[in-house]
PDB file of N, CA and C in Angstrom:
ATOM      1  N   MET A   1      -7.472  15.470  -9.099  1.00  0.00           N
ATOM      2  CA  MET A   1      -6.534  16.285  -9.842  1.00  0.00           C
ATOM      3  C   MET A   1      -5.143  15.687  -9.702  1.00  0.00           C
ATOM      4  N   HIS A   2      -4.397  15.671 -10.765  1.00  0.00           N
ATOM      5  CA  HIS A   2      -3.049  15.117 -10.748  1.00  0.00           C
ATOM      6  C   HIS A   2      -2.065  16.118 -10.158  1.00  0.00           C
ATOM      7  N   ARG A   3      -1.029  15.598  -9.557  1.00  0.00           N
ATOM      8  CA  ARG A   3      -0.001  16.452  -8.961  1.00  0.00           C
ATOM      9  C   ARG A   3       0.756  17.193 -10.052  1.00  0.00           C
ATOM     10  N   GLY A   4       1.250  18.383  -9.705  1.00  0.00           N
ATOM     11  CA  GLY A   4       1.986  19.162 -10.676  1.00  0.00           C
ATOM     12  C   GLY A   4       2.446  20.469 -10.068  1.00  0.00           C
ATOM     13  N   ALA A   5       2.768  21.423 -10.906  1.00  0.00           N
ATOM     14  CA  ALA A   5       3.243  22.726 -10.444  1.00  0.00           C
ATOM     15  C   ALA A   5       2.691  23.816 -11.349  1.00  0.00           C
ATOM     16  N   ARG A   6       2.428  24.965 -10.764  1.00  0.00           N
ATOM     17  CA  ARG A   6       1.997  26.129 -11.547  1.00  0.00           C
ATOM     18  C   ARG A   6       3.234  26.951 -11.873  1.00  0.00           C
ATOM     19  N   VAL A   7       3.384  27.303 -13.134  1.00  0.00           N
ATOM     20  CA  VAL A   7       4.532  28.078 -13.611  1.00  0.00           C
ATOM     21  C   VAL A   7       4.063  29.481 -13.963  1.00  0.00           C
ATOM     22  N   PHE A   8       4.742  30.474 -13.409  1.00  0.00           N
ATOM     23  CA  PHE A   8       4.471  31.868 -13.735  1.00  0.00           C
ATOM     24  C   PHE A   8       5.633  32.385 -14.573  1.00  0.00           C
ATOM     25  N   GLU A   9       5.335  33.007 -15.703  1.00  0.00           N
ATOM     26  CA  GLU A   9       6.365  33.572 -16.570  1.00  0.00           C
ATOM     27  C   GLU A   9       6.182  35.086 -16.627  1.00  0.00           C
ATOM     28  N   PHE A  10       7.226  35.812 -16.201  1.00  0.00           N
ATOM     29  CA  PHE A  10       7.212  37.272 -16.174  1.00  0.00           C
ATOM     30  C   PHE A  10       8.165  37.811 -17.223  1.00  0.00           C
ATOM     31  N   GLY A  11       7.763  38.882 -17.892  1.00  0.00           N
ATOM     32  CA  GLY A  11       8.637  39.545 -18.847  1.00  0.00           C
ATOM     33  C   GLY A  11       9.294  40.756 -18.193  1.00  0.00           C
ATOM     34  N   GLU A  12      10.513  41.044 -18.586  1.00  0.00           N
ATOM     35  CA  GLU A  12      11.231  42.179 -18.008  1.00  0.00           C
ATOM     36  C   GLU A  12      10.591  43.511 -18.390  1.00  0.00           C
ATOM     37  N   ALA A  13      10.043  43.596 -19.594  1.00  0.00           N
ATOM     38  CA  ALA A  13       9.465  44.857 -20.064  1.00  0.00           C
ATOM     39  C   ALA A  13       8.207  45.233 -19.272  1.00  0.00           C
ATOM     40  N   ASP A  14       7.345  44.259 -18.987  1.00  0.00           N
ATOM     41  CA  ASP A  14       6.101  44.528 -18.263  1.00  0.00           C
ATOM     42  C   ASP A  14       5.798  43.345 -17.327  1.00  0.00           C
ATOM     43  N   PRO A  15       6.338  43.360 -16.113  1.00  0.00           N
ATOM     44  CA  PRO A  15       6.153  42.232 -15.195  1.00  0.00           C
ATOM     45  C   PRO A  15       4.694  41.981 -14.819  1.00  0.00           C
ATOM     46  N   ARG A  16       3.837  43.003 -14.930  1.00  0.00           N
ATOM     47  CA  ARG A  16       2.425  42.811 -14.593  1.00  0.00           C
ATOM     48  C   ARG A  16       1.691  41.988 -15.647  1.00  0.00           C
ATOM     49  N   ALA A  17       2.211  41.926 -16.839  1.00  0.00           N
ATOM     50  CA  ALA A  17       1.601  41.131 -17.914  1.00  0.00           C
ATOM     51  C   ALA A  17       2.288  39.759 -17.940  1.00  0.00           C
ATOM     52  N   TYR A  18       1.933  38.926 -16.987  1.00  0.00           N
ATOM     53  CA  TYR A  18       2.561  37.614 -16.893  1.00  0.00           C
ATOM     54  C   TYR A  18       1.643  36.536 -17.449  1.00  0.00           C
ATOM     55  N   SER A  19       2.226  35.382 -17.703  1.00  0.00           N
ATOM     56  CA  SER A  19       1.418  34.232 -18.124  1.00  0.00           C
ATOM     57  C   SER A  19       1.626  33.119 -17.102  1.00  0.00           C
ATOM     58  N   THR A  20       0.657  32.232 -17.032  1.00  0.00           N
ATOM     59  CA  THR A  20       0.729  31.131 -16.084  1.00  0.00           C
ATOM     60  C   THR A  20       0.197  29.866 -16.737  1.00  0.00           C
ATOM     61  N   ARG A  21       0.730  28.721 -16.303  1.00  0.00           N
ATOM     62  CA  ARG A  21       0.250  27.433 -16.795  1.00  0.00           C
ATOM     63  C   ARG A  21       0.560  26.374 -15.749  1.00  0.00           C
ATOM     64  N   VAL A  22      -0.103  25.246 -15.855  1.00  0.00           N
ATOM     65  CA  VAL A  22       0.109  24.145 -14.915  1.00  0.00           C
ATOM     66  C   VAL A  22       0.833  23.019 -15.649  1.00  0.00           C
ATOM     67  N   LEU A  23       1.909  22.545 -15.042  1.00  0.00           N
ATOM     68  CA  LEU A  23       2.638  21.393 -15.567  1.00  0.00           C
ATOM     69  C   LEU A  23       2.369  20.213 -14.642  1.00  0.00           C
ATOM     70  N   THR A  24       1.925  19.115 -15.203  1.00  0.00           N
ATOM     71  CA  THR A  24       1.675  17.932 -14.392  1.00  0.00           C
ATOM     72  C   THR A  24       2.983  17.188 -14.142  1.00  0.00           C
ATOM     73  N   TYR A  25       2.931  16.218 -13.233  1.00  0.00           N
ATOM     74  CA  TYR A  25       4.105  15.404 -12.924  1.00  0.00           C
ATOM     75  C   TYR A  25       4.675  14.786 -14.195  1.00  0.00           C
ATOM     76  N   GLY A  26       3.807  14.247 -15.028  1.00  0.00           N
ATOM     77  CA  GLY A  26       4.255  13.611 -16.267  1.00  0.00           C
ATOM     78  C   GLY A  26       4.958  14.577 -17.207  1.00  0.00           C
ATOM     79  N   GLU A  27       4.456  15.789 -17.288  1.00  0.00           N
ATOM     80  CA  GLU A  27       5.087  16.796 -18.148  1.00  0.00           C
ATOM     81  C   GLU A  27       6.435  17.240 -17.578  1.00  0.00           C
ATOM     82  N   LEU A  28       6.523  17.340 -16.254  1.00  0.00           N
ATOM     83  CA  LEU A  28       7.764  17.780 -15.627  1.00  0.00           C
ATOM     84  C   LEU A  28       8.871  16.738 -15.753  1.00  0.00           C
ATOM     85  N   PHE A  29       8.509  15.469 -15.622  1.00  0.00           N
ATOM     86  CA  PHE A  29       9.515  14.413 -15.607  1.00  0.00           C
ATOM     87  C   PHE A  29       9.437  13.506 -16.829  1.00  0.00           C
ATOM     88  N   HIS A  30       8.753  13.951 -17.855  1.00  0.00           N
ATOM     89  CA  HIS A  30       8.649  13.250 -19.132  1.00  0.00           C
ATOM     90  C   HIS A  30       8.110  11.829 -18.971  1.00  0.00           C
ATOM     91  N   VAL A  31       7.110  11.682 -18.113  1.00  0.00           N
ATOM     92  CA  VAL A  31       6.448  10.394 -17.921  1.00  0.00           C
ATOM     93  C   VAL A  31       5.177  10.422 -18.752  1.00  0.00           C
ATOM     94  N   LYS A  32       5.050   9.497 -19.683  1.00  0.00           N
ATOM     95  CA  LYS A  32       3.893   9.513 -20.560  1.00  0.00           C
ATOM     96  C   LYS A  32       2.627   9.079 -19.829  1.00  0.00           C
ATOM     97  N   ARG A  33       2.743   8.065 -18.978  1.00  0.00           N
ATOM     98  CA  ARG A  33       1.541   7.567 -18.320  1.00  0.00           C
ATOM     99  C   ARG A  33       1.929   6.798 -17.058  1.00  0.00           C
ATOM    100  N   LEU A  34       1.241   7.131 -15.963  1.00  0.00           N
ATOM    101  CA  LEU A  34       1.434   6.375 -14.736  1.00  0.00           C
ATOM    102  C   LEU A  34       0.462   5.205 -14.758  1.00  0.00           C
ATOM    103  N   LYS A  35       0.919   4.057 -14.287  1.00  0.00           N
ATOM    104  CA  LYS A  35       0.060   2.880 -14.332  1.00  0.00           C
ATOM    105  C   LYS A  35      -0.138   2.303 -12.943  1.00  0.00           C
ATOM    106  N   GLY A  36      -1.221   1.545 -12.814  1.00  0.00           N
ATOM    107  CA  GLY A  36      -1.474   0.699 -11.674  1.00  0.00           C
ATOM    108  C   GLY A  36      -1.369   1.340 -10.313  1.00  0.00           C
ATOM    109  N   LEU A  37      -0.638   0.671  -9.437  1.00  0.00           N
ATOM    110  CA  LEU A  37      -0.554   1.074  -8.045  1.00  0.00           C
ATOM    111  C   LEU A  37       0.050   2.469  -7.880  1.00  0.00           C
ATOM    112  N   ARG A  38       1.098   2.778  -8.639  1.00  0.00           N
ATOM    113  CA  ARG A  38       1.707   4.114  -8.515  1.00  0.00           C
ATOM    114  C   ARG A  38       0.690   5.204  -8.808  1.00  0.00           C
ATOM    115  N   HIS A  39      -0.139   4.997  -9.820  1.00  0.00           N
ATOM    116  CA  HIS A  39      -1.143   5.990 -10.180  1.00  0.00           C
ATOM    117  C   HIS A  39      -2.170   6.132  -9.056  1.00  0.00           C
ATOM    118  N   ARG A  40      -2.606   5.013  -8.505  1.00  0.00           N
ATOM    119  CA  ARG A  40      -3.579   5.064  -7.412  1.00  0.00           C
ATOM    120  C   ARG A  40      -2.998   5.750  -6.190  1.00  0.00           C
ATOM    121  N   LEU A  41      -1.724   5.475  -5.893  1.00  0.00           N
ATOM    122  CA  LEU A  41      -1.097   6.088  -4.723  1.00  0.00           C
ATOM    123  C   LEU A  41      -0.947   7.598  -4.894  1.00  0.00           C
ATOM    124  N   THR A  42      -0.584   8.051  -6.072  1.00  0.00           N
ATOM    125  CA  THR A  42      -0.441   9.494  -6.272  1.00  0.00           C
ATOM    126  C   THR A  42      -1.787  10.188  -6.190  1.00  0.00           C
ATOM    127  N   ASP A  43      -2.856   9.501  -6.570  1.00  0.00           N
ATOM    128  CA  ASP A  43      -4.193  10.080  -6.423  1.00  0.00           C
ATOM    129  C   ASP A  43      -4.645  10.075  -4.969  1.00  0.00           C
ATOM    130  N   TRP A  44      -4.128   9.122  -4.160  1.00  0.00           N
ATOM    131  CA  TRP A  44      -4.578   8.977  -2.782  1.00  0.00           C
ATOM    132  C   TRP A  44      -3.800   9.875  -1.821  1.00  0.00           C
ATOM    133  N   ILE A  45      -2.614  10.344  -2.205  1.00  0.00           N
ATOM    134  CA  ILE A  45      -1.794  11.174  -1.323  1.00  0.00           C
ATOM    135  C   ILE A  45      -2.577  12.442  -0.979  1.00  0.00           C
ATOM    136  N   PRO A  46      -2.674  12.771   0.316  1.00  0.00           N
ATOM    137  CA  PRO A  46      -3.468  13.948   0.702  1.00  0.00           C
ATOM    138  C   PRO A  46      -2.872  15.250   0.173  1.00  0.00           C
ATOM    139  N   SER A  47      -3.756  16.157  -0.197  1.00  0.00           N
ATOM    140  CA  SER A  47      -3.307  17.440  -0.728  1.00  0.00           C
ATOM    141  C   SER A  47      -3.278  18.528   0.335  1.00  0.00           C
ATOM    142  N   SER A  48      -3.798  18.231   1.538  1.00  0.00           N
ATOM    143  CA  SER A  48      -3.782  19.197   2.626  1.00  0.00           C
ATOM    144  C   SER A  48      -3.764  18.439   3.955  1.00  0.00           C
ATOM    145  N   THR A  49      -3.514  19.152   5.040  1.00  0.00           N
ATOM    146  CA  THR A  49      -3.504  18.526   6.358  1.00  0.00           C
ATOM    147  C   THR A  49      -4.879  17.967   6.701  1.00  0.00           C
ATOM    148  N   ALA A  50      -5.924  18.717   6.425  1.00  0.00           N
ATOM    149  CA  ALA A  50      -7.279  18.252   6.725  1.00  0.00           C
ATOM    150  C   ALA A  50      -7.605  16.988   5.930  1.00  0.00           C
ATOM    151  N   ASP A  51      -7.197  16.957   4.679  1.00  0.00           N
ATOM    152  CA  ASP A  51      -7.416  15.781   3.843  1.00  0.00           C
ATOM    153  C   ASP A  51      -6.628  14.591   4.389  1.00  0.00           C
ATOM    154  N   GLY A  52      -5.411  14.841   4.844  1.00  0.00           N
ATOM    155  CA  GLY A  52      -4.581  13.782   5.425  1.00  0.00           C
ATOM    156  C   GLY A  52      -5.193  13.211   6.691  1.00  0.00           C
ATOM    157  N   ILE A  53      -5.720  14.077   7.537  1.00  0.00           N
ATOM    158  CA  ILE A  53      -6.365  13.625   8.776  1.00  0.00           C
ATOM    159  C   ILE A  53      -7.595  12.791   8.444  1.00  0.00           C
ATOM    160  N   SER A  54      -8.389  13.256   7.499  1.00  0.00           N
ATOM    161  CA  SER A  54      -9.592  12.526   7.096  1.00  0.00           C
ATOM    162  C   SER A  54      -9.241  11.136   6.570  1.00  0.00           C
ATOM    163  N   LYS A  55      -8.251  11.070   5.704  1.00  0.00           N
ATOM    164  CA  LYS A  55      -7.850   9.772   5.151  1.00  0.00           C
ATOM    165  C   LYS A  55      -7.224   8.886   6.223  1.00  0.00           C
ATOM    166  N   GLY A  56      -6.470   9.474   7.139  1.00  0.00           N
ATOM    167  CA  GLY A  56      -5.884   8.714   8.238  1.00  0.00           C
ATOM    168  C   GLY A  56      -6.941   8.101   9.132  1.00  0.00           C
ATOM    169  N   ILE A  57      -7.990   8.852   9.428  1.00  0.00           N
ATOM    170  CA  ILE A  57      -9.094   8.341  10.252  1.00  0.00           C
ATOM    171  C   ILE A  57      -9.775   7.166   9.546  1.00  0.00           C
ATOM    172  N   LYS A  58      -9.966   7.279   8.238  1.00  0.00           N
ATOM    173  CA  LYS A  58     -10.589   6.189   7.484  1.00  0.00           C
ATOM    174  C   LYS A  58      -9.723   4.928   7.522  1.00  0.00           C
ATOM    175  N   VAL A  59      -8.419   5.090   7.396  1.00  0.00           N
ATOM    176  CA  VAL A  59      -7.508   3.937   7.439  1.00  0.00           C
ATOM    177  C   VAL A  59      -7.553   3.300   8.824  1.00  0.00           C
ATOM    178  N   LEU A  60      -7.498   4.121   9.881  1.00  0.00           N
ATOM    179  CA  LEU A  60      -7.550   3.581  11.242  1.00  0.00           C
ATOM    180  C   LEU A  60      -8.873   2.874  11.510  1.00  0.00           C
ATOM    181  N   ALA A  61      -9.972   3.411  11.008  1.00  0.00           N
ATOM    182  CA  ALA A  61     -11.277   2.771  11.183  1.00  0.00           C
ATOM    183  C   ALA A  61     -11.310   1.419  10.474  1.00  0.00           C
ATOM    184  N   ALA A  62     -10.772   1.374   9.264  1.00  0.00           N
ATOM    185  CA  ALA A  62     -10.736   0.110   8.520  1.00  0.00           C
ATOM    186  C   ALA A  62      -9.866  -0.915   9.247  1.00  0.00           C
ATOM    187  N   LEU A  63      -8.727  -0.485   9.793  1.00  0.00           N
ATOM    188  CA  LEU A  63      -7.858  -1.394  10.548  1.00  0.00           C
ATOM    189  C   LEU A  63      -8.553  -1.878  11.813  1.00  0.00           C
ATOM    190  N   GLY A  64      -9.330  -1.005  12.456  1.00  0.00           N
ATOM    191  CA  GLY A  64     -10.084  -1.395  13.644  1.00  0.00           C
ATOM    192  C   GLY A  64     -11.123  -2.450  13.331  1.00  0.00           C
ATOM    193  N   VAL A  65     -11.832  -2.278  12.218  1.00  0.00           N
ATOM    194  CA  VAL A  65     -12.829  -3.262  11.793  1.00  0.00           C
ATOM    195  C   VAL A  65     -12.139  -4.591  11.484  1.00  0.00           C
ATOM    196  N   LEU A  66     -11.023  -4.536  10.794  1.00  0.00           N
ATOM    197  CA  LEU A  66     -10.278  -5.748  10.463  1.00  0.00           C
ATOM    198  C   LEU A  66      -9.798  -6.456  11.727  1.00  0.00           C
ATOM    199  N   ALA A  67      -9.279  -5.701  12.688  1.00  0.00           N
ATOM    200  CA  ALA A  67      -8.827  -6.280  13.955  1.00  0.00           C
ATOM    201  C   ALA A  67     -10.008  -6.915  14.689  1.00  0.00           C
ATOM    202  N   GLY A  68     -11.159  -6.268  14.686  1.00  0.00           N
ATOM    203  CA  GLY A  68     -12.354  -6.822  15.314  1.00  0.00           C
ATOM    204  C   GLY A  68     -12.774  -8.133  14.681  1.00  0.00           C
ATOM    205  N   LEU A  69     -12.707  -8.217  13.368  1.00  0.00           N
ATOM    206  CA  LEU A  69     -13.050  -9.455  12.666  1.00  0.00           C
ATOM    207  C   LEU A  69     -12.072 -10.576  13.010  1.00  0.00           C
ATOM    208  N   ILE A  70     -10.804 -10.253  13.073  1.00  0.00           N
ATOM    209  CA  ILE A  70      -9.795 -11.259  13.412  1.00  0.00           C
ATOM    210  C   ILE A  70     -10.012 -11.776  14.839  1.00  0.00           C
ATOM    211  N   ILE A  71     -10.284 -10.883  15.765  1.00  0.00           N
ATOM    212  CA  ILE A  71     -10.544 -11.284  17.162  1.00  0.00           C
ATOM    213  C   ILE A  71     -11.780 -12.167  17.223  1.00  0.00           C
ATOM    214  N   ALA A  72     -12.840 -11.820  16.499  1.00  0.00           N
ATOM    215  CA  ALA A  72     -14.067 -12.624  16.481  1.00  0.00           C
ATOM    216  C   ALA A  72     -13.804 -14.012  15.904  1.00  0.00           C
ATOM    217  N   LEU A  73     -13.001 -14.078  14.860  1.00  0.00           N
ATOM    218  CA  LEU A  73     -12.668 -15.381  14.260  1.00  0.00           C
ATOM    219  C   LEU A  73     -11.837 -16.228  15.210  1.00  0.00           C
ATOM    220  N   VAL A  74     -10.901 -15.613  15.915  1.00  0.00           N
ATOM    221  CA  VAL A  74     -10.059 -16.339  16.866  1.00  0.00           C
ATOM    222  C   VAL A  74     -10.911 -16.901  18.008  1.00  0.00           C
ATOM    223  N   LYS A  75     -11.889 -16.133  18.468  1.00  0.00           N
ATOM    224  CA  LYS A  75     -12.775 -16.592  19.553  1.00  0.00           C
ATOM    225  C   LYS A  75     -13.625 -17.766  19.110  1.00  0.00           C
ATOM    226  N   LEU A  76     -14.015 -17.782  17.814  1.00  0.00           N
ATOM    227  CA  LEU A  76     -14.818 -18.891  17.291  1.00  0.00           C
ATOM    228  C   LEU A  76     -14.021 -20.180  17.203  1.00  0.00           C
ATOM    229  N   LEU A  77     -12.730 -20.076  17.020  1.00  0.00           N
ATOM    230  CA  LEU A  77     -11.890 -21.274  16.903  1.00  0.00           C
ATOM    231  C   LEU A  77     -11.567 -21.746  18.262  1.00  0.00           C
TER     232      LEU A  77
END
């Protein structure tokens, strides 16, 4: 899901009869289309603390594997 904001519109005559809609980042800032890396990064940004922790663990695991490969290559040389 793309980042954005939910807008609630209330009328003075009957505040209980409100309307709501979602505005995306592009609609809010008049951006027609996000491209490339910026688009991927906005999709990758965690939407909650639990999601952030999960993604952080995956990044640390990938860095650990990469470090292990580098150490193994250095030992071979």
